[in-house]
PDB file of N, CA and C in Angstrom:
ATOM      1  N   MET A   1       0.820  -1.192   0.000  1.00  0.00           N
ATOM      2  CA  MET A   1       0.000   0.000   0.000  1.00  0.00           C
ATOM      3  C   MET A   1       0.864   1.257   0.000  1.00  0.00           C
ATOM      4  N   ALA A   2       1.982   1.210   0.677  1.00  0.00           N
ATOM      5  CA  ALA A   2       2.836   2.386   0.728  1.00  0.00           C
ATOM      6  C   ALA A   2       3.397   2.723  -0.644  1.00  0.00           C
ATOM      7  N   VAL A   3       3.745   1.706  -1.417  1.00  0.00           N
ATOM      8  CA  VAL A   3       4.294   1.940  -2.753  1.00  0.00           C
ATOM      9  C   VAL A   3       3.217   2.522  -3.674  1.00  0.00           C
ATOM     10  N   VAL A   4       2.001   2.019  -3.565  1.00  0.00           N
ATOM     11  CA  VAL A   4       0.903   2.538  -4.376  1.00  0.00           C
ATOM     12  C   VAL A   4       0.659   4.003  -4.048  1.00  0.00           C
ATOM     13  N   ASN A   5       0.638   4.349  -2.770  1.00  0.00           N
ATOM     14  CA  ASN A   5       0.458   5.752  -2.380  1.00  0.00           C
ATOM     15  C   ASN A   5       1.636   6.617  -2.804  1.00  0.00           C
ATOM     16  N   LEU A   6       2.828   6.059  -2.798  1.00  0.00           N
ATOM     17  CA  LEU A   6       4.002   6.807  -3.222  1.00  0.00           C
ATOM     18  C   LEU A   6       3.906   7.218  -4.688  1.00  0.00           C
ATOM     19  N   ILE A   7       3.239   6.402  -5.492  1.00  0.00           N
ATOM     20  CA  ILE A   7       3.077   6.709  -6.911  1.00  0.00           C
ATOM     21  C   ILE A   7       1.801   7.499  -7.178  1.00  0.00           C
ATOM     22  N   SER A   8       0.694   7.080  -6.592  1.00  0.00           N
ATOM     23  CA  SER A   8      -0.599   7.688  -6.936  1.00  0.00           C
ATOM     24  C   SER A   8      -0.816   9.074  -6.338  1.00  0.00           C
ATOM     25  N   MET A   9      -0.343   9.319  -5.152  1.00  0.00           N
ATOM     26  CA  MET A   9      -0.595  10.622  -4.524  1.00  0.00           C
ATOM     27  C   MET A   9       0.068  11.780  -5.284  1.00  0.00           C
ATOM     28  N   PRO A  10       1.352  11.703  -5.646  1.00  0.00           N
ATOM     29  CA  PRO A  10       1.920  12.805  -6.436  1.00  0.00           C
ATOM     30  C   PRO A  10       1.242  12.986  -7.787  1.00  0.00           C
ATOM     31  N   LEU A  11       0.856  11.868  -8.442  1.00  0.00           N
ATOM     32  CA  LEU A  11       0.150  11.984  -9.714  1.00  0.00           C
ATOM     33  C   LEU A  11      -1.191  12.684  -9.530  1.00  0.00           C
ATOM     34  N   MET A  12      -1.881  12.378  -8.451  1.00  0.00           N
ATOM     35  CA  MET A  12      -3.182  12.975  -8.213  1.00  0.00           C
ATOM     36  C   MET A  12      -3.049  14.474  -7.916  1.00  0.00           C
ATOM     37  N   PHE A  13      -2.073  14.851  -7.098  1.00  0.00           N
ATOM     38  CA  PHE A  13      -1.910  16.263  -6.765  1.00  0.00           C
ATOM     39  C   PHE A  13      -1.353  17.071  -7.926  1.00  0.00           C
ATOM     40  N   ALA A  14      -0.697  16.421  -8.884  1.00  0.00           N
ATOM     41  CA  ALA A  14      -0.172  17.114 -10.064  1.00  0.00           C
ATOM     42  C   ALA A  14      -1.121  16.985 -11.241  1.00  0.00           C
ATOM     43  N   SER A  15      -2.398  16.778 -10.987  1.00  0.00           N
ATOM     44  CA  SER A  15      -3.386  16.679 -12.053  1.00  0.00           C
ATOM     45  C   SER A  15      -4.517  17.663 -11.767  1.00  0.00           C
ATOM     46  N   ASN A  16      -5.566  17.586 -12.561  1.00  0.00           N
ATOM     47  CA  ASN A  16      -6.689  18.496 -12.394  1.00  0.00           C
ATOM     48  C   ASN A  16      -7.807  17.897 -11.541  1.00  0.00           C
ATOM     49  N   VAL A  17      -7.467  17.004 -10.628  1.00  0.00           N
ATOM     50  CA  VAL A  17      -8.466  16.392  -9.754  1.00  0.00           C
ATOM     51  C   VAL A  17      -9.042  17.437  -8.805  1.00  0.00           C
ATOM     52  N   PHE A  18      -8.186  18.245  -8.194  1.00  0.00           N
ATOM     53  CA  PHE A  18      -8.628  19.205  -7.187  1.00  0.00           C
ATOM     54  C   PHE A  18      -8.796  20.623  -7.727  1.00  0.00           C
ATOM     55  N   PHE A  19      -7.929  21.025  -8.635  1.00  0.00           N
ATOM     56  CA  PHE A  19      -7.945  22.379  -9.175  1.00  0.00           C
ATOM     57  C   PHE A  19      -7.875  22.333 -10.694  1.00  0.00           C
ATOM     58  N   SER A  20      -8.428  23.337 -11.309  1.00  0.00           N
ATOM     59  CA  SER A  20      -8.325  23.464 -12.757  1.00  0.00           C
ATOM     60  C   SER A  20      -6.862  23.728 -13.135  1.00  0.00           C
ATOM     61  N   ILE A  21      -6.461  23.231 -14.280  1.00  0.00           N
ATOM     62  CA  ILE A  21      -5.076  23.418 -14.722  1.00  0.00           C
ATOM     63  C   ILE A  21      -4.762  24.898 -14.909  1.00  0.00           C
ATOM     64  N   SER A  22      -5.742  25.678 -15.303  1.00  0.00           N
ATOM     65  CA  SER A  22      -5.496  27.112 -15.508  1.00  0.00           C
ATOM     66  C   SER A  22      -5.185  27.851 -14.208  1.00  0.00           C
ATOM     67  N   MET A  23      -5.541  27.293 -13.055  1.00  0.00           N
ATOM     68  CA  MET A  23      -5.271  27.920 -11.766  1.00  0.00           C
ATOM     69  C   MET A  23      -3.905  27.534 -11.210  1.00  0.00           C
ATOM     70  N   MET A  24      -3.222  26.598 -11.840  1.00  0.00           N
ATOM     71  CA  MET A  24      -1.934  26.103 -11.356  1.00  0.00           C
ATOM     72  C   MET A  24      -0.797  27.013 -11.804  1.00  0.00           C
ATOM     73  N   PRO A  25       0.325  26.985 -11.083  1.00  0.00           N
ATOM     74  CA  PRO A  25       1.509  27.701 -11.576  1.00  0.00           C
ATOM     75  C   PRO A  25       1.986  27.098 -12.891  1.00  0.00           C
ATOM     76  N   LYS A  26       2.723  27.870 -13.659  1.00  0.00           N
ATOM     77  CA  LYS A  26       3.156  27.440 -14.995  1.00  0.00           C
ATOM     78  C   LYS A  26       3.951  26.135 -14.956  1.00  0.00           C
ATOM     79  N   TRP A  27       4.834  25.958 -13.976  1.00  0.00           N
ATOM     80  CA  TRP A  27       5.646  24.750 -13.921  1.00  0.00           C
ATOM     81  C   TRP A  27       4.787  23.525 -13.632  1.00  0.00           C
ATOM     82  N   LEU A  28       3.722  23.696 -12.845  1.00  0.00           N
ATOM     83  CA  LEU A  28       2.837  22.582 -12.550  1.00  0.00           C
ATOM     84  C   LEU A  28       1.873  22.319 -13.701  1.00  0.00           C
ATOM     85  N   GLN A  29       1.547  23.347 -14.481  1.00  0.00           N
ATOM     86  CA  GLN A  29       0.710  23.155 -15.665  1.00  0.00           C
ATOM     87  C   GLN A  29       1.400  22.254 -16.675  1.00  0.00           C
ATOM     88  N   SER A  30       2.707  22.429 -16.835  1.00  0.00           N
ATOM     89  CA  SER A  30       3.430  21.587 -17.796  1.00  0.00           C
ATOM     90  C   SER A  30       3.452  20.130 -17.342  1.00  0.00           C
ATOM     91  N   ILE A  31       3.509  19.889 -16.050  1.00  0.00           N
ATOM     92  CA  ILE A  31       3.452  18.518 -15.540  1.00  0.00           C
ATOM     93  C   ILE A  31       2.046  17.954 -15.696  1.00  0.00           C
ATOM     94  N   ALA A  32       1.040  18.764 -15.389  1.00  0.00           N
ATOM     95  CA  ALA A  32      -0.349  18.303 -15.477  1.00  0.00           C
ATOM     96  C   ALA A  32      -0.755  18.004 -16.916  1.00  0.00           C
ATOM     97  N   ASN A  33      -0.161  18.683 -17.877  1.00  0.00           N
ATOM     98  CA  ASN A  33      -0.508  18.459 -19.278  1.00  0.00           C
ATOM     99  C   ASN A  33      -0.015  17.121 -19.814  1.00  0.00           C
ATOM    100  N   VAL A  34       0.937  16.486 -19.159  1.00  0.00           N
ATOM    101  CA  VAL A  34       1.400  15.161 -19.580  1.00  0.00           C
ATOM    102  C   VAL A  34       0.998  14.074 -18.588  1.00  0.00           C
ATOM    103  N   ASN A  35       0.355  14.458 -17.518  1.00  0.00           N
ATOM    104  CA  ASN A  35      -0.067  13.523 -16.478  1.00  0.00           C
ATOM    105  C   ASN A  35      -1.297  12.738 -16.950  1.00  0.00           C
ATOM    106  N   PRO A  36      -1.243  11.419 -16.979  1.00  0.00           N
ATOM    107  CA  PRO A  36      -2.401  10.645 -17.438  1.00  0.00           C
ATOM    108  C   PRO A  36      -3.618  10.779 -16.527  1.00  0.00           C
ATOM    109  N   VAL A  37      -3.415  11.100 -15.263  1.00  0.00           N
ATOM    110  CA  VAL A  37      -4.548  11.282 -14.351  1.00  0.00           C
ATOM    111  C   VAL A  37      -5.381  12.495 -14.774  1.00  0.00           C
ATOM    112  N   SER A  38      -4.748  13.516 -15.333  1.00  0.00           N
ATOM    113  CA  SER A  38      -5.488  14.681 -15.830  1.00  0.00           C
ATOM    114  C   SER A  38      -6.419  14.294 -16.967  1.00  0.00           C
ATOM    115  N   TYR A  39      -5.933  13.452 -17.865  1.00  0.00           N
ATOM    116  CA  TYR A  39      -6.758  13.022 -18.998  1.00  0.00           C
ATOM    117  C   TYR A  39      -7.878  12.094 -18.543  1.00  0.00           C
ATOM    118  N   LEU A  40      -7.606  11.249 -17.565  1.00  0.00           N
ATOM    119  CA  LEU A  40      -8.637  10.374 -17.019  1.00  0.00           C
ATOM    120  C   LEU A  40      -9.721  11.187 -16.315  1.00  0.00           C
ATOM    121  N   THR A  41      -9.316  12.174 -15.531  1.00  0.00           N
ATOM    122  CA  THR A  41     -10.275  13.043 -14.843  1.00  0.00           C
ATOM    123  C   THR A  41     -11.122  13.804 -15.845  1.00  0.00           C
ATOM    124  N   ASP A  42     -10.501  14.313 -16.885  1.00  0.00           N
ATOM    125  CA  ASP A  42     -11.243  15.045 -17.912  1.00  0.00           C
ATOM    126  C   ASP A  42     -12.254  14.141 -18.614  1.00  0.00           C
ATOM    127  N   ALA A  43     -11.864  12.909 -18.905  1.00  0.00           N
ATOM    128  CA  ALA A  43     -12.783  11.970 -19.559  1.00  0.00           C
ATOM    129  C   ALA A  43     -13.959  11.643 -18.652  1.00  0.00           C
ATOM    130  N   ILE A  44     -13.707  11.431 -17.377  1.00  0.00           N
ATOM    131  CA  ILE A  44     -14.795  11.132 -16.447  1.00  0.00           C
ATOM    132  C   ILE A  44     -15.723  12.322 -16.309  1.00  0.00           C
ATOM    133  N   GLU A  45     -15.166  13.533 -16.262  1.00  0.00           N
ATOM    134  CA  GLU A  45     -16.017  14.727 -16.200  1.00  0.00           C
ATOM    135  C   GLU A  45     -16.858  14.871 -17.460  1.00  0.00           C
ATOM    136  N   GLN A  46     -16.276  14.561 -18.611  1.00  0.00           N
ATOM    137  CA  GLN A  46     -17.018  14.637 -19.864  1.00  0.00           C
ATOM    138  C   GLN A  46     -18.186  13.649 -19.875  1.00  0.00           C
ATOM    139  N   LEU A  47     -17.982  12.483 -19.307  1.00  0.00           N
ATOM    140  CA  LEU A  47     -19.017  11.450 -19.331  1.00  0.00           C
ATOM    141  C   LEU A  47     -20.084  11.628 -18.255  1.00  0.00           C
ATOM    142  N   THR A  48     -19.776  12.385 -17.194  1.00  0.00           N
ATOM    143  CA  THR A  48     -20.727  12.470 -16.090  1.00  0.00           C
ATOM    144  C   THR A  48     -21.271  13.866 -15.837  1.00  0.00           C
ATOM    145  N   VAL A  49     -20.426  14.869 -15.746  1.00  0.00           N
ATOM    146  CA  VAL A  49     -20.832  16.181 -15.261  1.00  0.00           C
ATOM    147  C   VAL A  49     -20.959  17.220 -16.368  1.00  0.00           C
ATOM    148  N   LEU A  50     -19.950  17.331 -17.191  1.00  0.00           N
ATOM    149  CA  LEU A  50     -19.908  18.381 -18.203  1.00  0.00           C
ATOM    150  C   LEU A  50     -20.736  17.995 -19.428  1.00  0.00           C
ATOM    151  N   PRO A  51     -21.122  18.977 -20.218  1.00  0.00           N
ATOM    152  CA  PRO A  51     -21.742  18.628 -21.511  1.00  0.00           C
ATOM    153  C   PRO A  51     -20.723  17.870 -22.364  1.00  0.00           C
ATOM    154  N   LEU A  52     -21.206  16.885 -23.074  1.00  0.00           N
ATOM    155  CA  LEU A  52     -20.312  16.002 -23.824  1.00  0.00           C
ATOM    156  C   LEU A  52     -19.663  16.736 -24.989  1.00  0.00           C
ATOM    157  N   ASN A  53     -18.328  16.734 -24.983  1.00  0.00           N
ATOM    158  CA  ASN A  53     -17.526  17.250 -26.080  1.00  0.00           C
ATOM    159  C   ASN A  53     -16.817  16.040 -26.679  1.00  0.00           C
ATOM    160  N   THR A  54     -17.333  15.534 -27.773  1.00  0.00           N
ATOM    161  CA  THR A  54     -16.850  14.280 -28.343  1.00  0.00           C
ATOM    162  C   THR A  54     -15.382  14.343 -28.732  1.00  0.00           C
ATOM    163  N   SER A  55     -14.946  15.449 -29.304  1.00  0.00           N
ATOM    164  CA  SER A  55     -13.542  15.540 -29.724  1.00  0.00           C
ATOM    165  C   SER A  55     -12.602  15.533 -28.520  1.00  0.00           C
ATOM    166  N   ALA A  56     -12.974  16.202 -27.439  1.00  0.00           N
ATOM    167  CA  ALA A  56     -12.137  16.191 -26.237  1.00  0.00           C
ATOM    168  C   ALA A  56     -12.123  14.803 -25.602  1.00  0.00           C
ATOM    169  N   LEU A  57     -13.262  14.135 -25.612  1.00  0.00           N
ATOM    170  CA  LEU A  57     -13.341  12.791 -25.041  1.00  0.00           C
ATOM    171  C   LEU A  57     -12.498  11.804 -25.841  1.00  0.00           C
ATOM    172  N   VAL A  58     -12.554  11.891 -27.162  1.00  0.00           N
ATOM    173  CA  VAL A  58     -11.743  11.013 -28.008  1.00  0.00           C
ATOM    174  C   VAL A  58     -10.262  11.293 -27.781  1.00  0.00           C
ATOM    175  N   MET A  59      -9.898  12.568 -27.672  1.00  0.00           N
ATOM    176  CA  MET A  59      -8.500  12.919 -27.427  1.00  0.00           C
ATOM    177  C   MET A  59      -8.017  12.368 -26.092  1.00  0.00           C
ATOM    178  N   ASP A  60      -8.869  12.425 -25.066  1.00  0.00           N
ATOM    179  CA  ASP A  60      -8.500  11.861 -23.763  1.00  0.00           C
ATOM    180  C   ASP A  60      -8.247  10.364 -23.868  1.00  0.00           C
ATOM    181  N   PHE A  61      -9.154   9.639 -24.549  1.00  0.00           N
ATOM    182  CA  PHE A  61      -8.982   8.193 -24.677  1.00  0.00           C
ATOM    183  C   PHE A  61      -7.785   7.834 -25.551  1.00  0.00           C
ATOM    184  N   VAL A  62      -7.514   8.625 -26.573  1.00  0.00           N
ATOM    185  CA  VAL A  62      -6.339   8.378 -27.420  1.00  0.00           C
ATOM    186  C   VAL A  62      -5.061   8.550 -26.605  1.00  0.00           C
ATOM    187  N   TYR A  63      -4.983   9.620 -25.802  1.00  0.00           N
ATOM    188  CA  TYR A  63      -3.797   9.847 -24.978  1.00  0.00           C
ATOM    189  C   TYR A  63      -3.624   8.714 -23.971  1.00  0.00           C
ATOM    190  N   LEU A  64      -4.712   8.317 -23.305  1.00  0.00           N
ATOM    191  CA  LEU A  64      -4.613   7.243 -22.317  1.00  0.00           C
ATOM    192  C   LEU A  64      -4.219   5.925 -22.971  1.00  0.00           C
ATOM    193  N   GLY A  65      -4.743   5.651 -24.159  1.00  0.00           N
ATOM    194  CA  GLY A  65      -4.366   4.432 -24.873  1.00  0.00           C
ATOM    195  C   GLY A  65      -2.906   4.438 -25.283  1.00  0.00           C
ATOM    196  N   MET A  66      -2.420   5.579 -25.772  1.00  0.00           N
ATOM    197  CA  MET A  66      -1.013   5.679 -26.166  1.00  0.00           C
ATOM    198  C   MET A  66      -0.099   5.546 -24.950  1.00  0.00           C
ATOM    199  N   PHE A  67      -0.491   6.138 -23.838  1.00  0.00           N
ATOM    200  CA  PHE A  67       0.295   6.045 -22.608  1.00  0.00           C
ATOM    201  C   PHE A  67       0.367   4.597 -22.132  1.00  0.00           C
ATOM    202  N   ALA A  68      -0.781   3.905 -22.152  1.00  0.00           N
ATOM    203  CA  ALA A  68      -0.806   2.496 -21.733  1.00  0.00           C
ATOM    204  C   ALA A  68       0.012   1.630 -22.689  1.00  0.00           C
ATOM    205  N   ALA A  69      -0.084   1.903 -23.983  1.00  0.00           N
ATOM    206  CA  ALA A  69       0.689   1.130 -24.958  1.00  0.00           C
ATOM    207  C   ALA A  69       2.186   1.355 -24.781  1.00  0.00           C
ATOM    208  N   ALA A  70       2.575   2.584 -24.508  1.00  0.00           N
ATOM    209  CA  ALA A  70       3.999   2.880 -24.308  1.00  0.00           C
ATOM    210  C   ALA A  70       4.535   2.176 -23.072  1.00  0.00           C
ATOM    211  N   LEU A  71       3.758   2.178 -21.992  1.00  0.00           N
ATOM    212  CA  LEU A  71       4.216   1.480 -20.792  1.00  0.00           C
ATOM    213  C   LEU A  71       4.246  -0.027 -21.001  1.00  0.00           C
ATOM    214  N   SER A  72       3.275  -0.558 -21.732  1.00  0.00           N
ATOM    215  CA  SER A  72       3.240  -1.986 -21.999  1.00  0.00           C
ATOM    216  C   SER A  72       4.397  -2.402 -22.908  1.00  0.00           C
ATOM    217  N   ALA A  73       4.680  -1.615 -23.917  1.00  0.00           N
ATOM    218  CA  ALA A  73       5.777  -1.940 -24.832  1.00  0.00           C
ATOM    219  C   ALA A  73       7.098  -1.916 -24.113  1.00  0.00           C
ATOM    220  N   LYS A  74       7.287  -0.962 -23.215  1.00  0.00           N
ATOM    221  CA  LYS A  74       8.536  -0.890 -22.459  1.00  0.00           C
ATOM    222  C   LYS A  74       8.670  -2.101 -21.542  1.00  0.00           C
ATOM    223  N   ARG A  75       7.556  -2.498 -20.936  1.00  0.00           N
ATOM    224  CA  ARG A  75       7.580  -3.645 -20.041  1.00  0.00           C
ATOM    225  C   ARG A  75       7.896  -4.919 -20.802  1.00  0.00           C
ATOM    226  N   PHE A  76       7.255  -5.150 -21.949  1.00  0.00           N
ATOM    227  CA  PHE A  76       7.483  -6.364 -22.708  1.00  0.00           C
ATOM    228  C   PHE A  76       8.863  -6.365 -23.358  1.00  0.00           C
ATOM    229  N   ARG A  77       9.350  -5.209 -23.771  1.00  0.00           N
ATOM    230  CA  ARG A  77      10.671  -5.146 -24.370  1.00  0.00           C
ATOM    231  C   ARG A  77      11.735  -5.478 -23.335  1.00  0.00           C
ATOM    232  N   GLY A  78      11.486  -5.076 -22.086  1.00  0.00           N
ATOM    233  CA  GLY A  78      12.460  -5.350 -21.036  1.00  0.00           C
ATOM    234  C   GLY A  78      12.525  -6.802 -20.630  1.00  0.00           C
ATOM    235  N   ASN A  79      11.464  -7.566 -20.860  1.00  0.00           N
ATOM    236  CA  ASN A  79      11.430  -8.982 -20.462  1.00  0.00           C
ATOM    237  C   ASN A  79      12.092  -9.898 -21.460  1.00  0.00           C
ATOM    238  N   THR A  80      12.334  -9.461 -22.685  1.00  0.00           N
ATOM    239  CA  THR A  80      12.921 -10.356 -23.681  1.00  0.00           C
ATOM    240  C   THR A  80      14.410 -10.281 -23.690  1.00  0.00           C
TER     241      THR A  80
END
């Protein structure tokens, strides 16, 4: 559990879970723009709370898919 919190807590605080990205300092905005938790939060907001913006939702899923594929490819490449 400690290792999971060590990874998930910084990702959560460096995303748009609590604050809008526009309210963050510039250095934290650049981190939040590549943080997959920001894209996941945006997709969930699009599906539940906000009016549906199909292009933004597709972009969120494309980014999350590419991020997952990159991590999977690195993992499988390292095992061979």
